[in-house]
Amino acid sequence: MMIAVNQLADYLREQALAIELVDVQIAVMTLNAVLEVEKSPPSTDIFRYPVPVLGPEGSCSLFDELAPEPYDLSWLFGGRSEEAARALRDLAAVVESANDKVGADWLGVYVRAGEGEDRKLVKLAYTGVPSRAEFPLTEAFAQISNNSRVGLTGWGVVIDDVEAWRSSGGGYYECDPRVRSEVCLPVLDSEGRVLGILDAESSETAFFTPERQAWLAGLALVLATPFAALPIPGGDDAEADEGR
């Protein structure tokens, strides 16, 4: 799907991303082409992925200790279908393609699901080590999680130094203690409502240069179409975001 230049420019301005528009245009064209290619069925179960054991009250993940059962996305789609499997294959491919350019240690995309206090972000595709599958979309959890805060407000964040961010009072949910920098951006529909987010992490400080941010912004823009088309029961009834 073509994305108008003014839409790209609006996204960069609203997210306060100081990157070249032409770089984002190149990223959008490249990643759109990835979505349009027919994908072969994967060798593993596209609906399931490993997740860490959660700590007390589910507030944090225990790094390097996996839960006995993988997370299963079937519930999100009301069961398994070829349509859902095709959507997940497309998302896995475009995430991998974007990270070929970015080179992050971890990159994942999450869709917004549920209503009211049950609203949450659900991870659909990622590259990197296993991580938490769901992030609650509550004000309380947003105090400790950039993913939740971006999912609630629609405003992205670029963190060059995680330790400095935390020292200055910034909330941070630690899935991997090796992370030193992060970019979290919203996926928005044409009305500015949050459909989901993407999150990228690196073990290097100041890793996400403007050139790398351009690919992440391009990914966020491209994801709007497949996210809106996901075969999720009740997915068209998303509420408008309070923070935008």
C-alpha atoms as a PDB file:
ATOM      1  CA  MET A   1       0.000   0.000   0.000  1.00  0.00           C
ATOM      2  CA  MET A   2       1.329   3.431  -0.922  1.00  0.00           C
ATOM      3  CA  ILE A   3       1.803   5.913   1.917  1.00  0.00           C
ATOM      4  CA  ALA A   4       1.557   9.604   1.072  1.00  0.00           C
ATOM      5  CA  VAL A   5       4.608  11.785   1.659  1.00  0.00           C
ATOM      6  CA  ASN A   6       2.635  14.105   3.927  1.00  0.00           C
ATOM      7  CA  GLN A   7       1.631  11.121   6.055  1.00  0.00           C
ATOM      8  CA  LEU A   8       5.284  10.158   6.455  1.00  0.00           C
ATOM      9  CA  ALA A   9       6.231  13.734   7.320  1.00  0.00           C
ATOM     10  CA  ASP A  10       3.376  14.022   9.826  1.00  0.00           C
ATOM     11  CA  TYR A  11       4.487  10.831  11.585  1.00  0.00           C
ATOM     12  CA  LEU A  12       8.092  12.000  11.881  1.00  0.00           C
ATOM     13  CA  ARG A  13       6.997  15.389  13.208  1.00  0.00           C
ATOM     14  CA  GLU A  14       4.520  14.002  15.712  1.00  0.00           C
ATOM     15  CA  GLN A  15       7.023  11.456  16.994  1.00  0.00           C
ATOM     16  CA  ALA A  16       9.810  14.078  17.152  1.00  0.00           C
ATOM     17  CA  LEU A  17      12.099  11.962  14.971  1.00  0.00           C
ATOM     18  CA  ALA A  18      14.913  14.025  13.437  1.00  0.00           C
ATOM     19  CA  ILE A  19      15.518  11.789  10.426  1.00  0.00           C
ATOM     20  CA  GLU A  20      15.579  12.290   6.680  1.00  0.00           C
ATOM     21  CA  LEU A  21      12.230  11.874   4.956  1.00  0.00           C
ATOM     22  CA  VAL A  22      13.816  10.259   1.905  1.00  0.00           C
ATOM     23  CA  ASP A  23      15.383   7.554   4.103  1.00  0.00           C
ATOM     24  CA  VAL A  24      11.957   6.711   5.509  1.00  0.00           C
ATOM     25  CA  GLN A  25      10.466   6.638   1.995  1.00  0.00           C
ATOM     26  CA  ILE A  26      13.092   4.085   0.946  1.00  0.00           C
ATOM     27  CA  ALA A  27      12.366   1.981   4.025  1.00  0.00           C
ATOM     28  CA  VAL A  28       8.605   2.086   3.413  1.00  0.00           C
ATOM     29  CA  MET A  29       8.948   1.036  -0.242  1.00  0.00           C
ATOM     30  CA  THR A  30      11.341  -1.785   0.634  1.00  0.00           C
ATOM     31  CA  LEU A  31       9.244  -3.175   3.478  1.00  0.00           C
ATOM     32  CA  ASN A  32       5.991  -2.883   1.549  1.00  0.00           C
ATOM     33  CA  ALA A  33       7.581  -5.040  -1.153  1.00  0.00           C
ATOM     34  CA  VAL A  34       8.408  -7.672   1.477  1.00  0.00           C
ATOM     35  CA  LEU A  35       4.760  -7.826   2.549  1.00  0.00           C
ATOM     36  CA  GLU A  36       3.593  -8.340  -1.019  1.00  0.00           C
ATOM     37  CA  VAL A  37       5.703 -11.470  -1.631  1.00  0.00           C
ATOM     38  CA  GLU A  38       4.061 -14.847  -0.998  1.00  0.00           C
ATOM     39  CA  LYS A  39       5.743 -16.613   1.952  1.00  0.00           C
ATOM     40  CA  SER A  40       6.459 -20.319   2.294  1.00  0.00           C
ATOM     41  CA  PRO A  41       5.070 -22.063   5.387  1.00  0.00           C
ATOM     42  CA  PRO A  42       7.647 -21.970   8.218  1.00  0.00           C
ATOM     43  CA  SER A  43       9.282 -25.099   9.614  1.00  0.00           C
ATOM     44  CA  THR A  44       8.073 -24.220  13.121  1.00  0.00           C
ATOM     45  CA  ASP A  45       4.625 -23.469  14.559  1.00  0.00           C
ATOM     46  CA  ILE A  46       3.968 -19.830  13.608  1.00  0.00           C
ATOM     47  CA  PHE A  47       1.353 -19.491  16.375  1.00  0.00           C
ATOM     48  CA  ARG A  48       3.670 -20.441  19.251  1.00  0.00           C
ATOM     49  CA  TYR A  49       6.899 -19.032  20.669  1.00  0.00           C
ATOM     50  CA  PRO A  50       8.922 -19.490  23.880  1.00  0.00           C
ATOM     51  CA  VAL A  51       8.559 -16.999  26.728  1.00  0.00           C
ATOM     52  CA  PRO A  52      10.440 -16.404  29.980  1.00  0.00           C
ATOM     53  CA  VAL A  53       9.056 -17.315  33.367  1.00  0.00           C
ATOM     54  CA  LEU A  54       7.412 -14.255  34.932  1.00  0.00           C
ATOM     55  CA  GLY A  55       8.478 -13.036  38.346  1.00  0.00           C
ATOM     56  CA  PRO A  56       6.236 -12.394  41.361  1.00  0.00           C
ATOM     57  CA  GLU A  57       2.811 -11.053  40.337  1.00  0.00           C
ATOM     58  CA  GLY A  58       3.945 -11.123  36.728  1.00  0.00           C
ATOM     59  CA  SER A  59       5.809  -7.851  37.190  1.00  0.00           C
ATOM     60  CA  CYS A  60       9.075  -8.932  35.575  1.00  0.00           C
ATOM     61  CA  SER A  61      10.579 -11.729  33.532  1.00  0.00           C
ATOM     62  CA  LEU A  62      13.214 -14.075  34.911  1.00  0.00           C
ATOM     63  CA  PHE A  63      15.952 -13.756  32.309  1.00  0.00           C
ATOM     64  CA  ASP A  64      17.154 -16.993  30.680  1.00  0.00           C
ATOM     65  CA  GLU A  65      14.526 -19.132  32.445  1.00  0.00           C
ATOM     66  CA  LEU A  66      11.833 -20.254  29.999  1.00  0.00           C
ATOM     67  CA  ALA A  67       8.272 -21.169  30.876  1.00  0.00           C
ATOM     68  CA  PRO A  68       7.458 -24.868  30.387  1.00  0.00           C
ATOM     69  CA  GLU A  69       4.825 -24.053  27.741  1.00  0.00           C
ATOM     70  CA  PRO A  70       5.248 -21.689  24.779  1.00  0.00           C
ATOM     71  CA  TYR A  71       2.877 -18.775  24.343  1.00  0.00           C
ATOM     72  CA  ASP A  72       0.085 -19.603  21.877  1.00  0.00           C
ATOM     73  CA  LEU A  73      -1.434 -16.822  19.760  1.00  0.00           C
ATOM     74  CA  SER A  74      -4.428 -18.906  18.665  1.00  0.00           C
ATOM     75  CA  TRP A  75      -6.723 -17.287  21.262  1.00  0.00           C
ATOM     76  CA  LEU A  76      -6.150 -13.866  19.718  1.00  0.00           C
ATOM     77  CA  PHE A  77      -7.604 -14.985  16.385  1.00  0.00           C
ATOM     78  CA  GLY A  78     -10.431 -17.054  17.810  1.00  0.00           C
ATOM     79  CA  GLY A  79      -8.581 -20.206  16.745  1.00  0.00           C
ATOM     80  CA  ARG A  80      -6.184 -21.150  13.989  1.00  0.00           C
ATOM     81  CA  SER A  81      -6.841 -20.302  10.375  1.00  0.00           C
ATOM     82  CA  GLU A  82      -4.836 -19.981   7.185  1.00  0.00           C
ATOM     83  CA  GLU A  83      -5.669 -16.265   7.117  1.00  0.00           C
ATOM     84  CA  ALA A  84      -4.145 -15.764  10.566  1.00  0.00           C
ATOM     85  CA  ALA A  85      -1.129 -17.938   9.708  1.00  0.00           C
ATOM     86  CA  ARG A  86      -0.522 -15.936   6.531  1.00  0.00           C
ATOM     87  CA  ALA A  87      -0.697 -12.674   8.498  1.00  0.00           C
ATOM     88  CA  LEU A  88       1.823 -13.965  11.042  1.00  0.00           C
ATOM     89  CA  ARG A  89       4.165 -15.120   8.263  1.00  0.00           C
ATOM     90  CA  ASP A  90       4.002 -11.674   6.685  1.00  0.00           C
ATOM     91  CA  LEU A  91       4.772  -9.974   9.989  1.00  0.00           C
ATOM     92  CA  ALA A  92       7.680 -12.298  10.750  1.00  0.00           C
ATOM     93  CA  ALA A  93       9.156 -11.623   7.309  1.00  0.00           C
ATOM     94  CA  VAL A  94       8.857  -7.836   7.494  1.00  0.00           C
ATOM     95  CA  VAL A  95      10.338  -7.735  11.015  1.00  0.00           C
ATOM     96  CA  GLU A  96      13.296  -9.821   9.882  1.00  0.00           C
ATOM     97  CA  SER A  97      13.765  -7.686   6.782  1.00  0.00           C
ATOM     98  CA  ALA A  98      13.692  -4.452   8.806  1.00  0.00           C
ATOM     99  CA  ASN A  99      16.209  -5.801  11.284  1.00  0.00           C
ATOM    100  CA  ASP A 100      18.545  -6.815   8.475  1.00  0.00           C
ATOM    101  CA  LYS A 101      18.922  -3.045   7.986  1.00  0.00           C
ATOM    102  CA  VAL A 102      18.762  -1.973  11.647  1.00  0.00           C
ATOM    103  CA  GLY A 103      20.913  -4.682  13.215  1.00  0.00           C
ATOM    104  CA  ALA A 104      19.250  -4.482  16.631  1.00  0.00           C
ATOM    105  CA  ASP A 105      19.811  -7.258  19.144  1.00  0.00           C
ATOM    106  CA  TRP A 106      16.033  -7.483  19.530  1.00  0.00           C
ATOM    107  CA  LEU A 107      13.092  -6.247  17.488  1.00  0.00           C
ATOM    108  CA  GLY A 108       9.454  -7.115  18.043  1.00  0.00           C
ATOM    109  CA  VAL A 109       5.981  -5.934  17.062  1.00  0.00           C
ATOM    110  CA  TYR A 110       2.864  -5.962  19.236  1.00  0.00           C
ATOM    111  CA  VAL A 111      -0.808  -5.502  18.443  1.00  0.00           C
ATOM    112  CA  ARG A 112      -3.297  -3.877  20.789  1.00  0.00           C
ATOM    113  CA  ALA A 113      -6.035  -6.235  21.952  1.00  0.00           C
ATOM    114  CA  GLY A 114      -8.848  -6.386  24.513  1.00  0.00           C
ATOM    115  CA  GLU A 115     -11.051  -3.727  26.083  1.00  0.00           C
ATOM    116  CA  GLY A 116     -11.084  -1.669  29.267  1.00  0.00           C
ATOM    117  CA  GLU A 117      -8.842  -2.997  32.039  1.00  0.00           C
ATOM    118  CA  ASP A 118      -8.170  -6.086  29.920  1.00  0.00           C
ATOM    119  CA  ARG A 119      -6.469  -4.085  27.171  1.00  0.00           C
ATOM    120  CA  LYS A 120      -2.954  -5.237  26.421  1.00  0.00           C
ATOM    121  CA  LEU A 121      -0.228  -5.431  23.829  1.00  0.00           C
ATOM    122  CA  VAL A 122       0.340  -8.904  22.391  1.00  0.00           C
ATOM    123  CA  LYS A 123       3.609  -9.783  20.677  1.00  0.00           C
ATOM    124  CA  LEU A 124       3.025 -11.143  17.180  1.00  0.00           C
ATOM    125  CA  ALA A 125       6.523 -11.416  15.720  1.00  0.00           C
ATOM    126  CA  TYR A 126      10.074 -10.781  16.877  1.00  0.00           C
ATOM    127  CA  THR A 127      13.741 -11.524  16.304  1.00  0.00           C
ATOM    128  CA  GLY A 128      16.108 -12.030  19.237  1.00  0.00           C
ATOM    129  CA  VAL A 129      15.910 -13.785  22.593  1.00  0.00           C
ATOM    130  CA  PRO A 130      12.563 -14.909  24.085  1.00  0.00           C
ATOM    131  CA  SER A 131      10.717 -12.130  25.904  1.00  0.00           C
ATOM    132  CA  ARG A 132       7.426 -11.299  27.575  1.00  0.00           C
ATOM    133  CA  ALA A 133       4.392 -11.943  25.334  1.00  0.00           C
ATOM    134  CA  GLU A 134       1.911  -9.428  26.797  1.00  0.00           C
ATOM    135  CA  PHE A 135       2.130  -5.930  28.240  1.00  0.00           C
ATOM    136  CA  PRO A 136      -0.905  -4.592  30.152  1.00  0.00           C
ATOM    137  CA  LEU A 137      -2.268  -1.311  28.817  1.00  0.00           C
ATOM    138  CA  THR A 138      -2.943   0.238  32.190  1.00  0.00           C
ATOM    139  CA  GLU A 139      -1.766   3.498  33.713  1.00  0.00           C
ATOM    140  CA  ALA A 140      -0.067   1.580  36.504  1.00  0.00           C
ATOM    141  CA  PHE A 141       1.973  -0.627  34.177  1.00  0.00           C
ATOM    142  CA  ALA A 142       2.792   2.332  31.945  1.00  0.00           C
ATOM    143  CA  GLN A 143       4.728   3.797  34.883  1.00  0.00           C
ATOM    144  CA  ILE A 144       7.292   0.994  34.559  1.00  0.00           C
ATOM    145  CA  SER A 145       7.032   0.034  30.889  1.00  0.00           C
ATOM    146  CA  ASN A 146       7.793   2.087  27.784  1.00  0.00           C
ATOM    147  CA  ASN A 147       5.864  -0.437  25.701  1.00  0.00           C
ATOM    148  CA  SER A 148       2.717   0.125  27.730  1.00  0.00           C
ATOM    149  CA  ARG A 149       3.173   3.886  27.829  1.00  0.00           C
ATOM    150  CA  VAL A 150       3.609   4.131  24.058  1.00  0.00           C
ATOM    151  CA  GLY A 151       0.677   1.759  23.575  1.00  0.00           C
ATOM    152  CA  LEU A 152      -1.523   3.998  25.720  1.00  0.00           C
ATOM    153  CA  THR A 153      -0.430   7.422  24.521  1.00  0.00           C
ATOM    154  CA  GLY A 154       0.699   6.929  20.924  1.00  0.00           C
ATOM    155  CA  TRP A 155       3.913   8.848  21.605  1.00  0.00           C
ATOM    156  CA  GLY A 156       7.175   7.047  20.860  1.00  0.00           C
ATOM    157  CA  VAL A 157      10.463   7.178  22.740  1.00  0.00           C
ATOM    158  CA  VAL A 158      14.137   6.953  21.790  1.00  0.00           C
ATOM    159  CA  ILE A 159      16.485   6.053  24.642  1.00  0.00           C
ATOM    160  CA  ASP A 160      20.204   6.405  23.930  1.00  0.00           C
ATOM    161  CA  ASP A 161      21.289   5.285  27.395  1.00  0.00           C
ATOM    162  CA  VAL A 162      19.012   3.085  29.491  1.00  0.00           C
ATOM    163  CA  GLU A 163      20.953   3.663  32.722  1.00  0.00           C
ATOM    164  CA  ALA A 164      20.811   7.435  32.298  1.00  0.00           C
ATOM    165  CA  TRP A 165      17.090   7.179  31.511  1.00  0.00           C
ATOM    166  CA  ARG A 166      16.418   5.212  34.667  1.00  0.00           C
ATOM    167  CA  SER A 167      18.614   7.496  36.782  1.00  0.00           C
ATOM    168  CA  SER A 168      16.560  10.475  35.634  1.00  0.00           C
ATOM    169  CA  GLY A 169      13.343   8.774  36.755  1.00  0.00           C
ATOM    170  CA  GLY A 170      12.244   7.208  33.487  1.00  0.00           C
ATOM    171  CA  GLY A 171      10.166   4.043  33.861  1.00  0.00           C
ATOM    172  CA  TYR A 172      11.772   0.943  32.390  1.00  0.00           C
ATOM    173  CA  TYR A 173      10.710  -2.697  32.212  1.00  0.00           C
ATOM    174  CA  GLU A 174      13.781  -4.924  32.061  1.00  0.00           C
ATOM    175  CA  CYS A 175      13.410  -8.112  30.029  1.00  0.00           C
ATOM    176  CA  ASP A 176      17.125  -8.394  29.254  1.00  0.00           C
ATOM    177  CA  PRO A 177      19.747  -6.812  31.574  1.00  0.00           C
ATOM    178  CA  ARG A 178      22.140  -6.397  28.639  1.00  0.00           C
ATOM    179  CA  VAL A 179      19.982  -3.727  26.939  1.00  0.00           C
ATOM    180  CA  ARG A 180      21.645  -0.292  26.772  1.00  0.00           C
ATOM    181  CA  SER A 181      19.490   1.578  24.234  1.00  0.00           C
ATOM    182  CA  GLU A 182      15.951   1.296  22.917  1.00  0.00           C
ATOM    183  CA  VAL A 183      13.439   2.686  20.435  1.00  0.00           C
ATOM    184  CA  CYS A 184       9.709   2.184  20.931  1.00  0.00           C
ATOM    185  CA  LEU A 185       7.306   3.574  18.302  1.00  0.00           C
ATOM    186  CA  PRO A 186       3.522   3.417  17.873  1.00  0.00           C
ATOM    187  CA  VAL A 187       1.699   1.886  14.921  1.00  0.00           C
ATOM    188  CA  LEU A 188      -1.180   4.273  14.171  1.00  0.00           C
ATOM    189  CA  ASP A 189      -4.242   4.110  11.947  1.00  0.00           C
ATOM    190  CA  SER A 190      -5.331   6.980   9.685  1.00  0.00           C
ATOM    191  CA  GLU A 191      -7.198   8.604  12.586  1.00  0.00           C
ATOM    192  CA  GLY A 192      -4.183   8.511  14.893  1.00  0.00           C
ATOM    193  CA  ARG A 193      -5.456   5.621  17.028  1.00  0.00           C
ATOM    194  CA  VAL A 194      -2.923   3.139  18.342  1.00  0.00           C
ATOM    195  CA  LEU A 195      -3.066  -0.240  16.607  1.00  0.00           C
ATOM    196  CA  GLY A 196       0.101  -1.502  18.252  1.00  0.00           C
ATOM    197  CA  ILE A 197       3.779  -0.752  18.721  1.00  0.00           C
ATOM    198  CA  LEU A 198       7.253  -1.862  17.729  1.00  0.00           C
ATOM    199  CA  ASP A 199      10.161  -2.131  20.129  1.00  0.00           C
ATOM    200  CA  ALA A 200      13.880  -2.356  19.286  1.00  0.00           C
ATOM    201  CA  GLU A 201      16.737  -2.911  21.722  1.00  0.00           C
ATOM    202  CA  SER A 202      20.529  -2.971  21.588  1.00  0.00           C
ATOM    203  CA  SER A 203      23.328  -3.857  23.989  1.00  0.00           C
ATOM    204  CA  GLU A 204      25.176  -0.710  22.808  1.00  0.00           C
ATOM    205  CA  THR A 205      24.456   2.807  24.008  1.00  0.00           C
ATOM    206  CA  ALA A 206      23.373   5.328  21.337  1.00  0.00           C
ATOM    207  CA  PHE A 207      22.984   2.464  18.855  1.00  0.00           C
ATOM    208  CA  PHE A 208      19.889   3.795  17.118  1.00  0.00           C
ATOM    209  CA  THR A 209      21.318   6.379  14.762  1.00  0.00           C
ATOM    210  CA  PRO A 210      19.009   8.453  12.537  1.00  0.00           C
ATOM    211  CA  GLU A 211      19.635   5.969   9.706  1.00  0.00           C
ATOM    212  CA  ARG A 212      18.487   3.072  11.872  1.00  0.00           C
ATOM    213  CA  GLN A 213      15.560   5.063  13.197  1.00  0.00           C
ATOM    214  CA  ALA A 214      14.441   5.637   9.592  1.00  0.00           C
ATOM    215  CA  TRP A 215      13.981   1.892   9.098  1.00  0.00           C
ATOM    216  CA  LEU A 216      12.085   1.590  12.369  1.00  0.00           C
ATOM    217  CA  ALA A 217       9.819   4.510  11.460  1.00  0.00           C
ATOM    218  CA  GLY A 218       9.276   2.943   8.045  1.00  0.00           C
ATOM    219  CA  LEU A 219       8.341  -0.330   9.714  1.00  0.00           C
ATOM    220  CA  ALA A 220       5.868   1.409  12.038  1.00  0.00           C
ATOM    221  CA  LEU A 221       4.199   3.098   9.069  1.00  0.00           C
ATOM    222  CA  VAL A 222       4.072  -0.061   6.952  1.00  0.00           C
ATOM    223  CA  LEU A 223       2.618  -2.132   9.807  1.00  0.00           C
ATOM    224  CA  ALA A 224      -0.536  -0.018   9.956  1.00  0.00           C
ATOM    225  CA  THR A 225      -2.123  -1.847   7.018  1.00  0.00           C
ATOM    226  CA  PRO A 226      -1.488  -5.478   8.089  1.00  0.00           C
ATOM    227  CA  PHE A 227      -2.331  -4.645  11.712  1.00  0.00           C
ATOM    228  CA  ALA A 228      -5.689  -3.151  10.708  1.00  0.00           C
ATOM    229  CA  ALA A 229      -6.416  -6.241   8.589  1.00  0.00           C
ATOM    230  CA  LEU A 230      -5.597  -8.845  11.244  1.00  0.00           C
ATOM    231  CA  PRO A 231      -8.416 -11.388  11.633  1.00  0.00           C
ATOM    232  CA  ILE A 232      -9.001 -10.593  15.303  1.00  0.00           C
ATOM    233  CA  PRO A 233     -12.593 -10.929  16.537  1.00  0.00           C
ATOM    234  CA  GLY A 234     -13.844  -7.515  17.642  1.00  0.00           C
ATOM    235  CA  GLY A 235     -10.688  -5.861  16.359  1.00  0.00           C
ATOM    236  CA  ASP A 236     -12.616  -3.094  14.609  1.00  0.00           C
ATOM    237  CA  ASP A 237     -14.013  -1.820  17.898  1.00  0.00           C
ATOM    238  CA  ALA A 238     -10.793  -0.302  19.229  1.00  0.00           C
ATOM    239  CA  GLU A 239     -11.355   2.714  21.462  1.00  0.00           C
ATOM    240  CA  ALA A 240      -9.824   6.092  20.716  1.00  0.00           C
ATOM    241  CA  ASP A 241      -6.680   6.738  22.735  1.00  0.00           C
ATOM    242  CA  GLU A 242      -6.913   9.037  25.711  1.00  0.00           C
ATOM    243  CA  GLY A 243      -3.385  10.386  25.357  1.00  0.00           C
ATOM    244  CA  ARG A 244      -3.539  11.695  21.775  1.00  0.00           C
END
